[in-house]
Amino acid sequence: MIHRISNVPDESAVLIEGPWTHRLVSAGGIRFHVVEAGTGPLVVLLHGFPQFWWAWEQQITALSAAGYRAVAVDLRGYGASDKPPRGYDLFTAASDIAGLIRVLGEADAAVVGHGLGGLIGWTMSVCHPRAVRRLVALSAPHPVQLATATVAHWHRARGLWELLGLQVPMLPERRLVARNAQAVAEALRAWSCSGWPDAQTEQRFREAFQIPLVAHCSVEYHRWLFRSRFRPDGYRYLQRMREPSPVPTLYVHGVADPLILPAAAHGLERHVRAPYRLRLVEGAGHFPHQERPDQVNALLVEWLSDDAAQT
């Protein structure tokens, strides 16, 4: 007889009740867990590491109140979405979300991504531009510039060291889930400022990372980011991403981000041949949408509703 370990969280840990609807949607051959609220133009919200859809709690309610259909997604391998053994590269992730937008009944969407989700958004803007009406990237410089800036500022930014630490086989996954996912809590606190996160938010992310396979799948994205640099698929990716994006883009970065220094945000306009804006958020680290939600919500609504920011 097989006994379930009762104190290990399962996917129900991310089915948090609120003024939204939980759905399972099939796209790209797998099922995605999405959380939806509001009606109007579609806005797709893509979380980063080490998080899940709940990272957008404040934005879901603000965007739905502003007249948008807000859909927050658990990325492939996260939360209550499927966790297949492959597909943790940015080409596949971008295709996932482009397909998801079609399944949601829309030809395109405004895509808002943080961290890893921002890299997926940038990739979509080049590889699937017709699916992206507008892009908002938070704490996620353009992939080509991120690679350059990480090397240039390696001695001051934590991002490179964190990425290298995830390349070791098996150990990062074990560390992420050990002691009730203590490493997740430490990362959230170390990469933020202003006393964020609160105890409830921290616990939600800790539980979500203890769902079986989530830690491994999340690390696989970062292994691809590093290891592909030395393989043909990574070369093809960076060559493709050298094409300027035709999608209007807003870039948001926390002034106190210790993981990816704000210096990495400078010069991103050369990667966009459409309207582009840069906004720095004072008093915020790597998670500006959660550390300073009111400021970021105002930036999002302003950008999404600005008719001047058109192609």
Protein backbone atom coordinates (compact mmCIF):
# COMPACT_ATOMS: atom_id res chain seq x y z
CA MET A 1 0.00 0.00 0.00
CA ILE A 2 1.22 3.51 -0.89
CA HIS A 3 0.82 6.13 1.82
CA ARG A 4 0.71 9.81 0.91
CA ILE A 5 2.89 12.05 3.01
CA SER A 6 0.20 14.27 4.48
CA ASN A 7 2.39 17.27 5.22
CA VAL A 8 3.59 17.69 1.62
CA PRO A 9 1.50 20.33 -0.20
CA ASP A 10 -0.29 19.34 -3.40
CA GLU A 11 -1.74 21.43 -6.22
CA SER A 12 -4.70 22.47 -4.08
CA ALA A 13 -2.27 24.82 -2.29
CA VAL A 14 -2.46 27.24 -5.24
CA LEU A 15 -6.26 27.15 -5.63
CA ILE A 16 -6.65 30.24 -3.51
CA GLU A 17 -10.14 31.69 -3.26
CA GLY A 18 -10.80 35.29 -4.21
CA PRO A 19 -12.68 37.52 -6.67
CA TRP A 20 -11.51 35.38 -9.58
CA THR A 21 -12.17 32.07 -11.32
CA HIS A 22 -9.80 29.09 -11.52
CA ARG A 23 -9.64 27.21 -14.83
CA LEU A 24 -7.62 24.47 -16.50
CA VAL A 25 -6.91 25.29 -20.15
CA SER A 26 -5.16 23.00 -22.66
CA ALA A 27 -2.56 24.59 -24.95
CA GLY A 28 0.64 23.30 -26.51
CA GLY A 29 -0.20 19.74 -25.55
CA ILE A 30 -0.37 20.40 -21.80
CA ARG A 31 -2.85 21.84 -19.30
CA PHE A 32 -2.34 25.27 -17.79
CA HIS A 33 -3.89 26.49 -14.59
CA VAL A 34 -5.13 30.06 -15.04
CA VAL A 35 -6.89 32.52 -12.75
CA GLU A 36 -9.26 34.94 -14.44
CA ALA A 37 -11.20 38.05 -13.45
CA GLY A 38 -12.95 40.86 -15.31
CA THR A 39 -14.09 41.47 -18.85
CA GLY A 40 -12.59 43.53 -21.64
CA PRO A 41 -9.26 43.44 -23.51
CA LEU A 42 -7.17 40.44 -22.47
CA VAL A 43 -4.13 40.96 -20.24
CA VAL A 44 -2.00 37.86 -19.57
CA LEU A 45 0.17 37.91 -16.44
CA LEU A 46 3.30 35.72 -16.31
CA HIS A 47 5.06 35.20 -12.97
CA GLY A 48 8.76 34.75 -12.27
CA PHE A 49 10.93 32.61 -9.98
CA PRO A 50 10.34 31.45 -7.26
CA GLN A 51 6.63 32.16 -7.49
CA PHE A 52 3.30 31.19 -9.12
CA TRP A 53 0.15 33.00 -10.30
CA TRP A 54 -0.46 34.49 -6.82
CA ALA A 55 2.35 36.97 -7.52
CA TRP A 56 -0.25 38.96 -9.49
CA GLU A 57 -2.95 39.04 -6.80
CA GLN A 58 -2.93 42.84 -6.63
CA GLN A 59 -2.81 43.29 -10.39
CA ILE A 60 -5.69 40.88 -11.10
CA THR A 61 -8.09 42.94 -9.02
CA ALA A 62 -6.75 46.32 -10.20
CA LEU A 63 -6.86 45.41 -13.90
CA SER A 64 -10.30 43.82 -13.72
CA ALA A 65 -11.60 46.95 -11.95
CA ALA A 66 -10.06 49.07 -14.73
CA GLY A 67 -12.01 47.21 -17.43
CA TYR A 68 -9.63 44.45 -18.47
CA ARG A 69 -9.88 40.67 -18.57
CA ALA A 70 -6.93 39.73 -16.36
CA VAL A 71 -5.60 36.16 -16.65
CA ALA A 72 -2.72 35.07 -14.42
CA VAL A 73 -0.99 31.85 -15.51
CA ASP A 74 0.94 29.15 -13.70
CA LEU A 75 3.81 28.62 -16.15
CA ARG A 76 4.64 25.14 -17.42
CA GLY A 77 6.03 23.20 -14.45
CA TYR A 78 4.60 25.55 -11.80
CA GLY A 79 1.59 25.58 -9.50
CA ALA A 80 -1.33 23.54 -10.80
CA SER A 81 -0.15 23.49 -14.43
CA ASP A 82 1.23 20.31 -15.97
CA LYS A 83 4.84 19.39 -15.23
CA PRO A 84 6.18 17.52 -18.28
CA PRO A 85 9.82 16.39 -18.43
CA ARG A 86 10.74 18.78 -21.25
CA GLY A 87 9.92 22.19 -22.70
CA TYR A 88 11.72 24.53 -20.29
CA ASP A 89 13.34 26.71 -22.95
CA LEU A 90 12.18 30.17 -23.92
CA PHE A 91 11.14 29.16 -27.46
CA THR A 92 8.71 26.59 -26.04
CA ALA A 93 7.54 28.83 -23.20
CA ALA A 94 6.72 31.62 -25.66
CA SER A 95 4.85 29.19 -27.88
CA ASP A 96 2.94 27.95 -24.81
CA ILE A 97 1.57 31.41 -24.03
CA ALA A 98 0.87 32.33 -27.65
CA GLY A 99 -1.20 29.14 -27.90
CA LEU A 100 -2.89 29.87 -24.59
CA ILE A 101 -4.01 33.30 -25.83
CA ARG A 102 -5.70 31.64 -28.84
CA VAL A 103 -7.39 29.06 -26.63
CA LEU A 104 -8.68 31.89 -24.43
CA GLY A 105 -10.55 33.08 -27.53
CA GLU A 106 -8.41 36.09 -28.44
CA ALA A 107 -6.11 36.85 -31.35
CA ASP A 108 -3.75 38.82 -29.13
CA ALA A 109 -3.23 40.09 -25.59
CA ALA A 110 -1.25 42.55 -23.57
CA VAL A 111 1.46 40.42 -21.97
CA VAL A 112 2.84 41.40 -18.57
CA GLY A 113 5.78 39.35 -17.32
CA HIS A 114 8.07 39.48 -14.30
CA GLY A 115 11.52 37.88 -14.21
CA LEU A 116 11.27 34.62 -16.12
CA GLY A 117 7.81 35.69 -17.25
CA GLY A 118 9.33 38.89 -18.63
CA LEU A 119 11.88 36.91 -20.64
CA ILE A 120 9.01 34.87 -22.06
CA GLY A 121 7.22 38.11 -22.96
CA TRP A 122 10.29 39.49 -24.74
CA THR A 123 10.59 36.21 -26.65
CA MET A 124 6.94 36.33 -27.65
CA SER A 125 7.35 39.90 -28.93
CA VAL A 126 9.90 38.67 -31.49
CA CYS A 127 8.79 35.09 -32.19
CA HIS A 128 5.01 35.59 -31.91
CA PRO A 129 4.50 39.35 -32.37
CA ARG A 130 0.94 39.03 -33.65
CA ALA A 131 -0.07 37.48 -30.32
CA VAL A 132 1.28 40.42 -28.28
CA ARG A 133 -0.67 43.67 -28.42
CA ARG A 134 1.59 45.34 -25.88
CA LEU A 135 4.37 44.12 -23.61
CA VAL A 136 5.22 45.03 -20.04
CA ALA A 137 8.44 43.49 -18.69
CA LEU A 138 9.31 43.84 -15.01
CA SER A 139 12.79 43.12 -13.64
CA ALA A 140 13.63 41.30 -16.89
CA PRO A 141 15.91 43.11 -19.33
CA HIS A 142 15.87 42.01 -22.95
CA PRO A 143 17.57 38.57 -23.15
CA VAL A 144 20.44 39.84 -25.32
CA GLN A 145 21.13 42.77 -23.01
CA LEU A 146 20.67 40.63 -19.90
CA ALA A 147 23.45 38.30 -21.05
CA THR A 148 25.77 41.27 -21.67
CA ALA A 149 24.90 43.16 -18.48
CA THR A 150 25.25 40.08 -16.28
CA VAL A 151 28.81 39.56 -17.47
CA ALA A 152 29.68 43.28 -17.32
CA HIS A 153 28.43 43.66 -13.74
CA TRP A 154 29.16 40.15 -12.49
CA HIS A 155 31.07 41.39 -9.45
CA ARG A 156 28.11 43.47 -8.17
CA ALA A 157 24.95 41.66 -9.29
CA ARG A 158 23.72 38.53 -7.55
CA GLY A 159 21.96 37.24 -10.67
CA LEU A 160 24.95 35.48 -12.21
CA TRP A 161 25.90 33.77 -8.96
CA GLU A 162 22.31 32.64 -8.37
CA LEU A 163 22.15 31.28 -11.92
CA LEU A 164 25.43 29.41 -11.55
CA GLY A 165 24.24 27.90 -8.27
CA LEU A 166 21.28 26.31 -10.07
CA GLN A 167 23.45 24.39 -12.56
CA VAL A 168 24.51 21.67 -10.12
CA PRO A 169 22.51 18.44 -10.62
CA MET A 170 19.84 17.58 -8.03
CA LEU A 171 21.14 19.74 -5.18
CA PRO A 172 19.27 22.97 -6.05
CA GLU A 173 15.93 21.13 -6.09
CA ARG A 174 16.62 19.55 -2.73
CA ARG A 175 17.70 22.85 -1.23
CA LEU A 176 14.58 24.63 -2.51
CA VAL A 177 12.20 22.26 -0.74
CA ALA A 178 14.25 21.57 2.42
CA ARG A 179 13.00 22.88 5.78
CA ASN A 180 9.57 23.84 4.46
CA ALA A 181 11.11 25.58 1.43
CA GLN A 182 13.21 27.87 3.59
CA ALA A 183 15.39 28.76 0.58
CA VAL A 184 12.36 30.21 -1.19
CA ALA A 185 11.64 32.48 1.76
CA GLU A 186 15.29 33.54 1.92
CA ALA A 187 15.32 34.41 -1.79
CA LEU A 188 12.14 36.49 -1.55
CA ARG A 189 13.55 38.49 1.36
CA ALA A 190 17.06 38.85 -0.04
CA TRP A 191 15.91 40.06 -3.46
CA SER A 192 13.37 42.57 -2.16
CA CYS A 193 13.41 45.55 0.16
CA SER A 194 10.94 47.55 2.28
CA GLY A 195 10.02 44.65 4.56
CA TRP A 196 8.33 42.53 1.90
CA PRO A 197 6.99 39.81 1.93
CA ASP A 198 4.47 39.51 4.74
CA ALA A 199 4.12 36.16 6.52
CA GLN A 200 1.08 34.97 4.56
CA THR A 201 2.62 35.76 1.17
CA GLU A 202 5.86 34.04 2.13
CA GLN A 203 4.00 30.92 3.26
CA ARG A 204 2.01 30.73 0.03
CA PHE A 205 5.18 30.69 -2.06
CA ARG A 206 6.84 28.18 0.24
CA GLU A 207 3.89 25.81 -0.05
CA ALA A 208 3.70 26.19 -3.83
CA PHE A 209 7.36 25.18 -4.21
CA GLN A 210 6.83 22.00 -2.22
CA ILE A 211 4.29 20.71 -4.74
CA PRO A 212 5.97 17.65 -6.30
CA LEU A 213 8.16 18.46 -9.33
CA VAL A 214 7.77 22.25 -9.09
CA ALA A 215 11.28 22.83 -7.72
CA HIS A 216 12.84 20.66 -10.44
CA CYS A 217 10.84 22.21 -13.28
CA SER A 218 11.59 25.75 -12.12
CA VAL A 219 15.31 25.02 -12.04
CA GLU A 220 15.17 23.50 -15.54
CA TYR A 221 14.32 26.91 -17.01
CA HIS A 222 17.46 28.36 -15.45
CA ARG A 223 19.59 25.45 -16.55
CA TRP A 224 18.49 26.09 -20.11
CA LEU A 225 19.23 29.81 -19.78
CA PHE A 226 22.84 29.07 -18.86
CA ARG A 227 23.68 25.86 -20.69
CA SER A 228 22.10 26.86 -23.99
CA ARG A 229 24.72 29.61 -24.27
CA PHE A 230 27.18 26.87 -25.24
CA ARG A 231 24.86 24.97 -27.60
CA PRO A 232 23.38 25.55 -31.08
CA ASP A 233 19.86 26.12 -29.69
CA GLY A 234 21.10 28.96 -27.50
CA TYR A 235 23.00 30.50 -30.42
CA ARG A 236 19.87 30.34 -32.57
CA TYR A 237 17.84 31.89 -29.78
CA LEU A 238 20.14 34.88 -29.27
CA GLN A 239 20.45 35.41 -33.03
CA ARG A 240 16.67 35.47 -33.35
CA MET A 241 16.34 37.83 -30.40
CA ARG A 242 18.70 40.33 -32.03
CA GLU A 243 15.77 41.26 -34.27
CA PRO A 244 14.12 44.41 -32.84
CA SER A 245 10.69 43.81 -31.36
CA PRO A 246 7.75 45.43 -33.21
CA VAL A 247 5.63 45.46 -30.00
CA PRO A 248 5.06 48.61 -27.90
CA THR A 249 6.93 47.97 -24.67
CA LEU A 250 6.95 49.30 -21.12
CA TYR A 251 9.91 48.29 -18.98
CA VAL A 252 9.67 48.51 -15.16
CA HIS A 253 12.57 47.97 -12.75
CA GLY A 254 13.01 48.43 -9.02
CA VAL A 255 15.68 50.98 -8.11
CA ALA A 256 16.91 48.77 -5.25
CA ASP A 257 16.95 45.46 -7.15
CA PRO A 258 20.01 43.53 -5.89
CA LEU A 259 19.49 40.55 -8.21
CA ILE A 260 19.52 42.38 -11.55
CA LEU A 261 21.00 45.84 -11.18
CA PRO A 262 19.02 48.79 -12.59
CA ALA A 263 21.96 49.52 -14.89
CA ALA A 264 20.77 46.58 -16.99
CA ALA A 265 17.66 48.60 -17.89
CA HIS A 266 19.57 51.29 -19.74
CA GLY A 267 19.60 51.12 -23.55
CA LEU A 268 16.77 48.61 -23.91
CA GLU A 269 15.07 50.91 -26.43
CA ARG A 270 17.46 49.70 -29.12
CA HIS A 271 15.77 46.31 -28.97
CA VAL A 272 12.32 47.79 -29.74
CA ARG A 273 11.19 49.44 -33.00
CA ALA A 274 7.90 50.60 -31.50
CA PRO A 275 6.91 52.98 -28.69
CA TYR A 276 9.03 52.25 -25.62
CA ARG A 277 9.02 53.56 -22.04
CA LEU A 278 11.25 52.94 -19.05
CA ARG A 279 9.95 53.42 -15.52
CA LEU A 280 12.04 52.93 -12.36
CA VAL A 281 10.19 52.25 -9.10
CA GLU A 282 11.68 53.83 -5.99
CA GLY A 283 11.74 51.74 -2.83
CA ALA A 284 11.37 48.45 -4.71
CA GLY A 285 13.72 45.53 -5.21
CA HIS A 286 13.25 42.62 -7.60
CA PHE A 287 9.46 42.37 -7.10
CA PRO A 288 8.14 45.90 -7.79
CA HIS A 289 4.58 44.74 -8.56
CA GLN A 290 4.34 43.24 -5.07
CA GLU A 291 6.53 45.62 -3.11
CA ARG A 292 4.92 48.76 -4.57
CA PRO A 293 1.64 47.47 -6.05
CA ASP A 294 -0.18 50.82 -6.20
CA GLN A 295 2.61 52.44 -8.19
CA VAL A 296 2.94 49.53 -10.59
CA ASN A 297 -0.83 49.19 -11.04
CA ALA A 298 -1.02 52.85 -12.01
CA LEU A 299 1.81 52.35 -14.53
CA LEU A 300 0.07 49.33 -16.03
CA VAL A 301 -3.32 50.99 -16.43
CA GLU A 302 -1.75 54.13 -17.88
CA TRP A 303 0.29 52.14 -20.40
CA LEU A 304 -2.51 49.80 -21.45
CA SER A 305 -4.98 52.66 -21.95
CA ASP A 306 -2.63 55.11 -23.70
CA ASP A 307 -3.68 55.40 -27.34
CA ALA A 308 -0.40 57.14 -28.14
CA ALA A 309 1.53 53.93 -27.41
CA GLN A 310 0.49 52.25 -30.64
CA THR A 311 2.54 50.69 -33.38
